[in-house]
C-alpha cells in the first residue's frame, strides 16, 4: 500500500481529520507521507486546526511528525472558518 500511494503523481486527501485513525492506520499514513516527502505533491483539505489533529492520530508525537512531514516546504492556504456547504443552504 505504501508503494502504491507513493507513486501517485498528486495525492489529494479531503476531509482530513474527520475520522479518527487507529495506531496502525496513523503509522501507515505517516509512512506514506514520509515516502512522498520532497518527491511527489500531496494536497490536504481539512476543517480541523492543527491543534485538534492529535485526536485524529491518537498520539501527540506521531501527530507532530505527520504535521512536520506535510508542512515542510508547503504552501498553506487558509480559506476561513465558515463552511461553504453551510452557507449554500
PDB file of N, CA and C in Angstrom:
ATOM      1  N   UNK A   1       0.820  -1.183   0.000  1.00  0.00           N
ATOM      2  CA  UNK A   1       0.000   0.000   0.000  1.00  0.00           C
ATOM      3  C   UNK A   1       0.874   1.261   0.000  1.00  0.00           C
ATOM      4  N   UNK A   2       1.975   1.214   0.740  1.00  0.00           N
ATOM      5  CA  UNK A   2       2.868   2.363   0.789  1.00  0.00           C
ATOM      6  C   UNK A   2       3.427   2.649  -0.602  1.00  0.00           C
ATOM      7  N   UNK A   3       3.873   1.624  -1.300  1.00  0.00           N
ATOM      8  CA  UNK A   3       4.410   1.792  -2.646  1.00  0.00           C
ATOM      9  C   UNK A   3       3.349   2.339  -3.590  1.00  0.00           C
ATOM     10  N   UNK A   4       2.133   1.867  -3.460  1.00  0.00           N
ATOM     11  CA  UNK A   4       1.040   2.305  -4.340  1.00  0.00           C
ATOM     12  C   UNK A   4       0.782   3.801  -4.193  1.00  0.00           C
ATOM     13  N   UNK A   5       0.625   4.269  -2.957  1.00  0.00           N
ATOM     14  CA  UNK A   5       0.315   5.682  -2.734  1.00  0.00           C
ATOM     15  C   UNK A   5       1.541   6.578  -2.863  1.00  0.00           C
ATOM     16  N   UNK A   6       2.711   6.004  -2.830  1.00  0.00           N
ATOM     17  CA  UNK A   6       3.936   6.784  -3.008  1.00  0.00           C
ATOM     18  C   UNK A   6       4.168   7.144  -4.466  1.00  0.00           C
ATOM     19  N   UNK A   7       3.580   6.388  -5.392  1.00  0.00           N
ATOM     20  CA  UNK A   7       3.816   6.600  -6.816  1.00  0.00           C
ATOM     21  C   UNK A   7       2.798   7.522  -7.480  1.00  0.00           C
ATOM     22  N   UNK A   8       1.684   7.782  -6.818  1.00  0.00           N
ATOM     23  CA  UNK A   8       0.643   8.641  -7.394  1.00  0.00           C
ATOM     24  C   UNK A   8       1.211  10.038  -7.614  1.00  0.00           C
ATOM     25  N   UNK A   9       0.948  10.629  -8.785  1.00  0.00           N
ATOM     26  CA  UNK A   9       1.508  11.940  -9.114  1.00  0.00           C
ATOM     27  C   UNK A   9       1.074  13.032  -8.141  1.00  0.00           C
ATOM     28  N   UNK A  10      -0.202  13.058  -7.783  1.00  0.00           N
ATOM     29  CA  UNK A  10      -0.714  14.029  -6.814  1.00  0.00           C
ATOM     30  C   UNK A  10      -1.698  13.312  -5.907  1.00  0.00           C
ATOM     31  N   UNK A  11      -1.350  13.200  -4.643  1.00  0.00           N
ATOM     32  CA  UNK A  11      -2.227  12.563  -3.660  1.00  0.00           C
ATOM     33  C   UNK A  11      -3.068  13.651  -3.008  1.00  0.00           C
ATOM     34  N   UNK A  12      -4.383  13.539  -3.131  1.00  0.00           N
ATOM     35  CA  UNK A  12      -5.316  14.515  -2.562  1.00  0.00           C
ATOM     36  C   UNK A  12      -6.108  13.870  -1.433  1.00  0.00           C
ATOM     37  N   UNK A  13      -6.063  14.475  -0.273  1.00  0.00           N
ATOM     38  CA  UNK A  13      -6.796  13.980   0.887  1.00  0.00           C
ATOM     39  C   UNK A  13      -7.799  15.049   1.298  1.00  0.00           C
ATOM     40  N   UNK A  14      -9.076  14.720   1.213  1.00  0.00           N
ATOM     41  CA  UNK A  14     -10.134  15.654   1.566  1.00  0.00           C
ATOM     42  C   UNK A  14     -10.739  15.240   2.899  1.00  0.00           C
ATOM     43  N   UNK A  15     -11.270  16.197   3.629  1.00  0.00           N
ATOM     44  CA  UNK A  15     -11.874  15.954   4.944  1.00  0.00           C
ATOM     45  C   UNK A  15     -10.866  15.326   5.900  1.00  0.00           C
ATOM     46  N   UNK A  16      -9.615  15.727   5.772  1.00  0.00           N
ATOM     47  CA  UNK A  16      -8.548  15.189   6.608  1.00  0.00           C
ATOM     48  C   UNK A  16      -8.840  15.501   8.069  1.00  0.00           C
ATOM     49  N   UNK A  17      -8.761  14.508   8.915  1.00  0.00           N
ATOM     50  CA  UNK A  17      -9.014  14.694  10.330  1.00  0.00           C
ATOM     51  C   UNK A  17     -10.453  14.475  10.731  1.00  0.00           C
ATOM     52  N   UNK A  18     -11.313  14.199   9.765  1.00  0.00           N
ATOM     53  CA  UNK A  18     -12.728  13.995  10.072  1.00  0.00           C
ATOM     54  C   UNK A  18     -12.944  12.701  10.853  1.00  0.00           C
ATOM     55  N   UNK A  19     -12.227  11.658  10.463  1.00  0.00           N
ATOM     56  CA  UNK A  19     -12.327  10.368  11.142  1.00  0.00           C
ATOM     57  C   UNK A  19     -11.045  10.086  11.917  1.00  0.00           C
ATOM     58  N   UNK A  20     -11.179   9.535  13.091  1.00  0.00           N
ATOM     59  CA  UNK A  20     -10.011   9.167  13.879  1.00  0.00           C
ATOM     60  C   UNK A  20      -9.400   7.887  13.319  1.00  0.00           C
ATOM     61  N   UNK A  21      -8.081   7.821  13.349  1.00  0.00           N
ATOM     62  CA  UNK A  21      -7.364   6.645  12.865  1.00  0.00           C
ATOM     63  C   UNK A  21      -6.869   5.820  14.033  1.00  0.00           C
ATOM     64  N   UNK A  22      -6.846   4.507  13.867  1.00  0.00           N
ATOM     65  CA  UNK A  22      -6.208   3.687  14.891  1.00  0.00           C
ATOM     66  C   UNK A  22      -4.696   3.820  14.725  1.00  0.00           C
ATOM     67  N   UNK A  23      -3.953   3.291  15.666  1.00  0.00           N
ATOM     68  CA  UNK A  23      -2.487   3.451  15.654  1.00  0.00           C
ATOM     69  C   UNK A  23      -1.865   2.896  14.367  1.00  0.00           C
ATOM     70  N   UNK A  24      -2.353   1.756  13.921  1.00  0.00           N
ATOM     71  CA  UNK A  24      -1.807   1.138  12.702  1.00  0.00           C
ATOM     72  C   UNK A  24      -2.061   2.033  11.484  1.00  0.00           C
ATOM     73  N   UNK A  25      -3.278   2.572  11.375  1.00  0.00           N
ATOM     74  CA  UNK A  25      -3.604   3.454  10.262  1.00  0.00           C
ATOM     75  C   UNK A  25      -2.795   4.741  10.288  1.00  0.00           C
ATOM     76  N   UNK A  26      -2.593   5.302  11.476  1.00  0.00           N
ATOM     77  CA  UNK A  26      -1.814   6.534  11.608  1.00  0.00           C
ATOM     78  C   UNK A  26      -0.358   6.297  11.218  1.00  0.00           C
ATOM     79  N   UNK A  27       0.195   5.165  11.634  1.00  0.00           N
ATOM     80  CA  UNK A  27       1.582   4.843  11.260  1.00  0.00           C
ATOM     81  C   UNK A  27       1.714   4.641   9.755  1.00  0.00           C
ATOM     82  N   UNK A  28       0.726   3.989   9.151  1.00  0.00           N
ATOM     83  CA  UNK A  28       0.739   3.776   7.706  1.00  0.00           C
ATOM     84  C   UNK A  28       0.696   5.108   6.969  1.00  0.00           C
ATOM     85  N   UNK A  29      -0.170   6.005   7.408  1.00  0.00           N
ATOM     86  CA  UNK A  29      -0.258   7.322   6.781  1.00  0.00           C
ATOM     87  C   UNK A  29       1.056   8.085   6.938  1.00  0.00           C
ATOM     88  N   UNK A  30       1.681   7.995   8.101  1.00  0.00           N
ATOM     89  CA  UNK A  30       2.979   8.615   8.321  1.00  0.00           C
ATOM     90  C   UNK A  30       4.012   8.085   7.327  1.00  0.00           C
ATOM     91  N   UNK A  31       4.020   6.784   7.123  1.00  0.00           N
ATOM     92  CA  UNK A  31       4.975   6.181   6.192  1.00  0.00           C
ATOM     93  C   UNK A  31       4.724   6.657   4.760  1.00  0.00           C
ATOM     94  N   UNK A  32       3.465   6.803   4.389  1.00  0.00           N
ATOM     95  CA  UNK A  32       3.140   7.291   3.044  1.00  0.00           C
ATOM     96  C   UNK A  32       3.627   8.726   2.881  1.00  0.00           C
ATOM     97  N   UNK A  33       3.359   9.579   3.868  1.00  0.00           N
ATOM     98  CA  UNK A  33       3.848  10.963   3.805  1.00  0.00           C
ATOM     99  C   UNK A  33       5.364  11.012   3.750  1.00  0.00           C
ATOM    100  N   UNK A  34       6.016  10.151   4.509  1.00  0.00           N
ATOM    101  CA  UNK A  34       7.480  10.120   4.521  1.00  0.00           C
ATOM    102  C   UNK A  34       8.025   9.722   3.150  1.00  0.00           C
ATOM    103  N   UNK A  35       7.420   8.717   2.525  1.00  0.00           N
ATOM    104  CA  UNK A  35       7.858   8.281   1.201  1.00  0.00           C
ATOM    105  C   UNK A  35       7.651   9.367   0.144  1.00  0.00           C
ATOM    106  N   UNK A  36       6.589  10.156   0.277  1.00  0.00           N
ATOM    107  CA  UNK A  36       6.255  11.180  -0.714  1.00  0.00           C
ATOM    108  C   UNK A  36       7.040  12.478  -0.499  1.00  0.00           C
ATOM    109  N   UNK A  37       7.541  12.689   0.704  1.00  0.00           N
ATOM    110  CA  UNK A  37       8.196  13.940   1.071  1.00  0.00           C
ATOM    111  C   UNK A  37       9.288  14.338   0.068  1.00  0.00           C
ATOM    112  N   UNK A  38       9.153  15.526  -0.461  1.00  0.00           N
ATOM    113  CA  UNK A  38      10.087  16.124  -1.428  1.00  0.00           C
ATOM    114  C   UNK A  38      10.181  15.349  -2.741  1.00  0.00           C
ATOM    115  N   UNK A  39       9.274  14.406  -2.977  1.00  0.00           N
ATOM    116  CA  UNK A  39       9.272  13.650  -4.233  1.00  0.00           C
ATOM    117  C   UNK A  39       8.012  13.898  -5.052  1.00  0.00           C
ATOM    118  N   UNK A  40       6.882  13.840  -4.380  1.00  0.00           N
ATOM    119  CA  UNK A  40       5.586  13.980  -5.053  1.00  0.00           C
ATOM    120  C   UNK A  40       4.704  14.911  -4.234  1.00  0.00           C
ATOM    121  N   UNK A  41       3.873  15.713  -4.897  1.00  0.00           N
ATOM    122  CA  UNK A  41       2.999  16.636  -4.156  1.00  0.00           C
ATOM    123  C   UNK A  41       1.818  15.929  -3.492  1.00  0.00           C
ATOM    124  N   UNK A  42       1.424  16.480  -2.364  1.00  0.00           N
ATOM    125  CA  UNK A  42       0.273  15.996  -1.614  1.00  0.00           C
ATOM    126  C   UNK A  42      -0.585  17.195  -1.241  1.00  0.00           C
ATOM    127  N   UNK A  43      -1.879  17.110  -1.488  1.00  0.00           N
ATOM    128  CA  UNK A  43      -2.814  18.176  -1.127  1.00  0.00           C
ATOM    129  C   UNK A  43      -3.714  17.651  -0.015  1.00  0.00           C
ATOM    130  N   UNK A  44      -3.850  18.448   1.028  1.00  0.00           N
ATOM    131  CA  UNK A  44      -4.660  18.052   2.177  1.00  0.00           C
ATOM    132  C   UNK A  44      -5.692  19.142   2.434  1.00  0.00           C
ATOM    133  N   UNK A  45      -6.960  18.771   2.487  1.00  0.00           N
ATOM    134  CA  UNK A  45      -8.034  19.710   2.820  1.00  0.00           C
ATOM    135  C   UNK A  45      -8.640  19.279   4.151  1.00  0.00           C
ATOM    136  N   UNK A  46      -8.788  20.242   5.049  1.00  0.00           N
ATOM    137  CA  UNK A  46      -9.323  19.928   6.366  1.00  0.00           C
ATOM    138  C   UNK A  46     -10.027  21.137   6.962  1.00  0.00           C
ATOM    139  N   UNK A  47     -10.993  20.872   7.797  1.00  0.00           N
ATOM    140  CA  UNK A  47     -11.627  21.926   8.584  1.00  0.00           C
ATOM    141  C   UNK A  47     -11.075  21.942   9.996  1.00  0.00           C
ATOM    142  N   UNK A  48     -10.202  21.008  10.312  1.00  0.00           N
ATOM    143  CA  UNK A  48      -9.643  20.883  11.658  1.00  0.00           C
ATOM    144  C   UNK A  48      -8.325  21.636  11.768  1.00  0.00           C
ATOM    145  N   UNK A  49      -8.189  22.465  12.794  1.00  0.00           N
ATOM    146  CA  UNK A  49      -6.899  23.128  13.016  1.00  0.00           C
ATOM    147  C   UNK A  49      -5.857  22.116  13.484  1.00  0.00           C
ATOM    148  N   UNK A  50      -4.593  22.447  13.304  1.00  0.00           N
ATOM    149  CA  UNK A  50      -3.516  21.547  13.714  1.00  0.00           C
ATOM    150  C   UNK A  50      -3.646  21.154  15.186  1.00  0.00           C
ATOM    151  N   UNK A  51      -4.164  22.034  16.021  1.00  0.00           N
ATOM    152  CA  UNK A  51      -4.285  21.757  17.451  1.00  0.00           C
ATOM    153  C   UNK A  51      -5.238  20.612  17.749  1.00  0.00           C
ATOM    154  N   UNK A  52      -6.088  20.239  16.803  1.00  0.00           N
ATOM    155  CA  UNK A  52      -7.033  19.135  17.008  1.00  0.00           C
ATOM    156  C   UNK A  52      -6.583  17.830  16.361  1.00  0.00           C
ATOM    157  N   UNK A  53      -5.491  17.856  15.625  1.00  0.00           N
ATOM    158  CA  UNK A  53      -5.054  16.671  14.911  1.00  0.00           C
ATOM    159  C   UNK A  53      -4.629  15.538  15.830  1.00  0.00           C
ATOM    160  N   UNK A  54      -4.204  15.841  17.040  1.00  0.00           N
ATOM    161  CA  UNK A  54      -3.785  14.759  17.931  1.00  0.00           C
ATOM    162  C   UNK A  54      -4.943  13.818  18.237  1.00  0.00           C
ATOM    163  N   UNK A  55      -6.179  14.308  18.153  1.00  0.00           N
ATOM    164  CA  UNK A  55      -7.351  13.448  18.343  1.00  0.00           C
ATOM    165  C   UNK A  55      -7.491  12.473  17.172  1.00  0.00           C
ATOM    166  N   UNK A  56      -7.173  12.944  15.987  1.00  0.00           N
ATOM    167  CA  UNK A  56      -7.259  12.102  14.794  1.00  0.00           C
ATOM    168  C   UNK A  56      -6.257  10.958  14.848  1.00  0.00           C
ATOM    169  N   UNK A  57      -5.041  11.263  15.308  1.00  0.00           N
ATOM    170  CA  UNK A  57      -3.974  10.266  15.281  1.00  0.00           C
ATOM    171  C   UNK A  57      -3.785   9.545  16.605  1.00  0.00           C
ATOM    172  N   UNK A  58      -4.356  10.071  17.682  1.00  0.00           N
ATOM    173  CA  UNK A  58      -4.304   9.394  18.970  1.00  0.00           C
ATOM    174  C   UNK A  58      -2.946   9.366  19.637  1.00  0.00           C
ATOM    175  N   UNK A  59      -1.970  10.042  19.077  1.00  0.00           N
ATOM    176  CA  UNK A  59      -0.613  10.049  19.634  1.00  0.00           C
ATOM    177  C   UNK A  59       0.006  11.397  19.290  1.00  0.00           C
ATOM    178  N   UNK A  60       0.349  12.178  20.295  1.00  0.00           N
ATOM    179  CA  UNK A  60       0.858  13.533  20.072  1.00  0.00           C
ATOM    180  C   UNK A  60       2.175  13.537  19.291  1.00  0.00           C
ATOM    181  N   UNK A  61       3.064  12.596  19.567  1.00  0.00           N
ATOM    182  CA  UNK A  61       4.355  12.547  18.849  1.00  0.00           C
ATOM    183  C   UNK A  61       4.161  12.199  17.378  1.00  0.00           C
ATOM    184  N   UNK A  62       3.303  11.215  17.129  1.00  0.00           N
ATOM    185  CA  UNK A  62       3.026  10.816  15.751  1.00  0.00           C
ATOM    186  C   UNK A  62       2.328  11.951  15.011  1.00  0.00           C
ATOM    187  N   UNK A  63       1.425  12.625  15.684  1.00  0.00           N
ATOM    188  CA  UNK A  63       0.730  13.767  15.093  1.00  0.00           C
ATOM    189  C   UNK A  63       1.724  14.861  14.702  1.00  0.00           C
ATOM    190  N   UNK A  64       2.653  15.172  15.592  1.00  0.00           N
ATOM    191  CA  UNK A  64       3.666  16.192  15.307  1.00  0.00           C
ATOM    192  C   UNK A  64       4.541  15.780  14.127  1.00  0.00           C
ATOM    193  N   UNK A  65       4.877  14.506  14.049  1.00  0.00           N
ATOM    194  CA  UNK A  65       5.705  14.012  12.944  1.00  0.00           C
ATOM    195  C   UNK A  65       4.952  14.100  11.616  1.00  0.00           C
ATOM    196  N   UNK A  66       3.671  13.773  11.617  1.00  0.00           N
ATOM    197  CA  UNK A  66       2.864  13.864  10.397  1.00  0.00           C
ATOM    198  C   UNK A  66       2.720  15.321   9.971  1.00  0.00           C
ATOM    199  N   UNK A  67       2.397  16.197  10.916  1.00  0.00           N
ATOM    200  CA  UNK A  67       2.275  17.625  10.603  1.00  0.00           C
ATOM    201  C   UNK A  67       3.591  18.167  10.060  1.00  0.00           C
ATOM    202  N   UNK A  68       4.708  17.725  10.619  1.00  0.00           N
ATOM    203  CA  UNK A  68       6.023  18.143  10.146  1.00  0.00           C
ATOM    204  C   UNK A  68       6.256  17.699   8.706  1.00  0.00           C
ATOM    205  N   UNK A  69       5.879  16.480   8.383  1.00  0.00           N
ATOM    206  CA  UNK A  69       6.082  15.958   7.024  1.00  0.00           C
ATOM    207  C   UNK A  69       5.253  16.725   5.991  1.00  0.00           C
ATOM    208  N   UNK A  70       3.999  17.002   6.310  1.00  0.00           N
ATOM    209  CA  UNK A  70       3.152  17.616   5.284  1.00  0.00           C
ATOM    210  C   UNK A  70       3.260  19.137   5.231  1.00  0.00           C
ATOM    211  N   UNK A  71       3.908  19.742   6.221  1.00  0.00           N
ATOM    212  CA  UNK A  71       4.064  21.203   6.174  1.00  0.00           C
ATOM    213  C   UNK A  71       5.462  21.640   5.752  1.00  0.00           C
ATOM    214  N   UNK A  72       6.390  20.705   5.637  1.00  0.00           N
ATOM    215  CA  UNK A  72       7.741  21.036   5.207  1.00  0.00           C
ATOM    216  C   UNK A  72       7.719  21.503   3.750  1.00  0.00           C
ATOM    217  N   UNK A  73       8.179  22.707   3.511  1.00  0.00           N
ATOM    218  CA  UNK A  73       8.195  23.315   2.169  1.00  0.00           C
ATOM    219  C   UNK A  73       6.814  23.297   1.519  1.00  0.00           C
ATOM    220  N   UNK A  74       5.800  23.593   2.302  1.00  0.00           N
ATOM    221  CA  UNK A  74       4.438  23.556   1.771  1.00  0.00           C
ATOM    222  C   UNK A  74       3.915  24.971   1.524  1.00  0.00           C
ATOM    223  N   UNK A  75       2.817  25.036   0.843  1.00  0.00           N
ATOM    224  CA  UNK A  75       2.045  26.259   0.725  1.00  0.00           C
ATOM    225  C   UNK A  75       0.767  26.025   1.500  1.00  0.00           C
ATOM    226  N   UNK A  76       0.587  26.803   2.551  1.00  0.00           N
ATOM    227  CA  UNK A  76      -0.586  26.660   3.409  1.00  0.00           C
ATOM    228  C   UNK A  76      -1.611  27.703   2.990  1.00  0.00           C
ATOM    229  N   UNK A  77      -2.790  27.249   2.625  1.00  0.00           N
ATOM    230  CA  UNK A  77      -3.854  28.149   2.181  1.00  0.00           C
ATOM    231  C   UNK A  77      -5.006  28.041   3.174  1.00  0.00           C
ATOM    232  N   UNK A  78      -5.288  29.129   3.850  1.00  0.00           N
ATOM    233  CA  UNK A  78      -6.400  29.151   4.783  1.00  0.00           C
ATOM    234  C   UNK A  78      -7.542  29.920   4.134  1.00  0.00           C
ATOM    235  N   UNK A  79      -8.686  29.275   4.065  1.00  0.00           N
ATOM    236  CA  UNK A  79      -9.825  29.880   3.371  1.00  0.00           C
ATOM    237  C   UNK A  79     -10.865  30.447   4.320  1.00  0.00           C
ATOM    238  N   UNK A  80     -10.663  30.307   5.610  1.00  0.00           N
ATOM    239  CA  UNK A  80     -11.627  30.813   6.575  1.00  0.00           C
ATOM    240  C   UNK A  80     -12.198  29.696   7.411  1.00  0.00           C
ATOM    241  N   UNK A  81     -13.124  30.053   8.279  1.00  0.00           N
ATOM    242  CA  UNK A  81     -13.664  29.065   9.201  1.00  0.00           C
ATOM    243  C   UNK A  81     -15.093  28.667   8.883  1.00  0.00           C
ATOM    244  N   UNK A  82     -15.753  29.393   8.002  1.00  0.00           N
ATOM    245  CA  UNK A  82     -17.145  29.080   7.693  1.00  0.00           C
ATOM    246  C   UNK A  82     -17.229  28.059   6.559  1.00  0.00           C
ATOM    247  N   UNK A  83     -18.136  27.128   6.715  1.00  0.00           N
ATOM    248  CA  UNK A  83     -18.324  26.073   5.735  1.00  0.00           C
ATOM    249  C   UNK A  83     -19.020  26.608   4.480  1.00  0.00           C
ATOM    250  N   UNK A  84     -18.465  26.276   3.335  1.00  0.00           N
ATOM    251  CA  UNK A  84     -19.078  26.644   2.059  1.00  0.00           C
ATOM    252  C   UNK A  84     -20.436  25.974   1.921  1.00  0.00           C
ATOM    253  N   UNK A  85     -20.530  24.703   2.294  1.00  0.00           N
ATOM    254  CA  UNK A  85     -21.785  23.968   2.191  1.00  0.00           C
ATOM    255  C   UNK A  85     -22.856  24.537   3.107  1.00  0.00           C
ATOM    256  N   UNK A  86     -22.436  24.955   4.300  1.00  0.00           N
ATOM    257  CA  UNK A  86     -23.394  25.524   5.243  1.00  0.00           C
ATOM    258  C   UNK A  86     -23.946  26.846   4.709  1.00  0.00           C
ATOM    259  N   UNK A  87     -23.117  27.649   4.080  1.00  0.00           N
ATOM    260  CA  UNK A  87     -23.559  28.926   3.521  1.00  0.00           C
ATOM    261  C   UNK A  87     -24.522  28.739   2.356  1.00  0.00           C
ATOM    262  N   UNK A  88     -24.389  27.631   1.637  1.00  0.00           N
ATOM    263  CA  UNK A  88     -25.206  27.384   0.445  1.00  0.00           C
ATOM    264  C   UNK A  88     -26.628  26.973   0.789  1.00  0.00           C
ATOM    265  N   UNK A  89     -26.906  26.635   2.039  1.00  0.00           N
ATOM    266  CA  UNK A  89     -28.257  26.174   2.400  1.00  0.00           C
ATOM    267  C   UNK A  89     -29.168  27.320   2.775  1.00  0.00           C
TER     268      UNK A  89
END
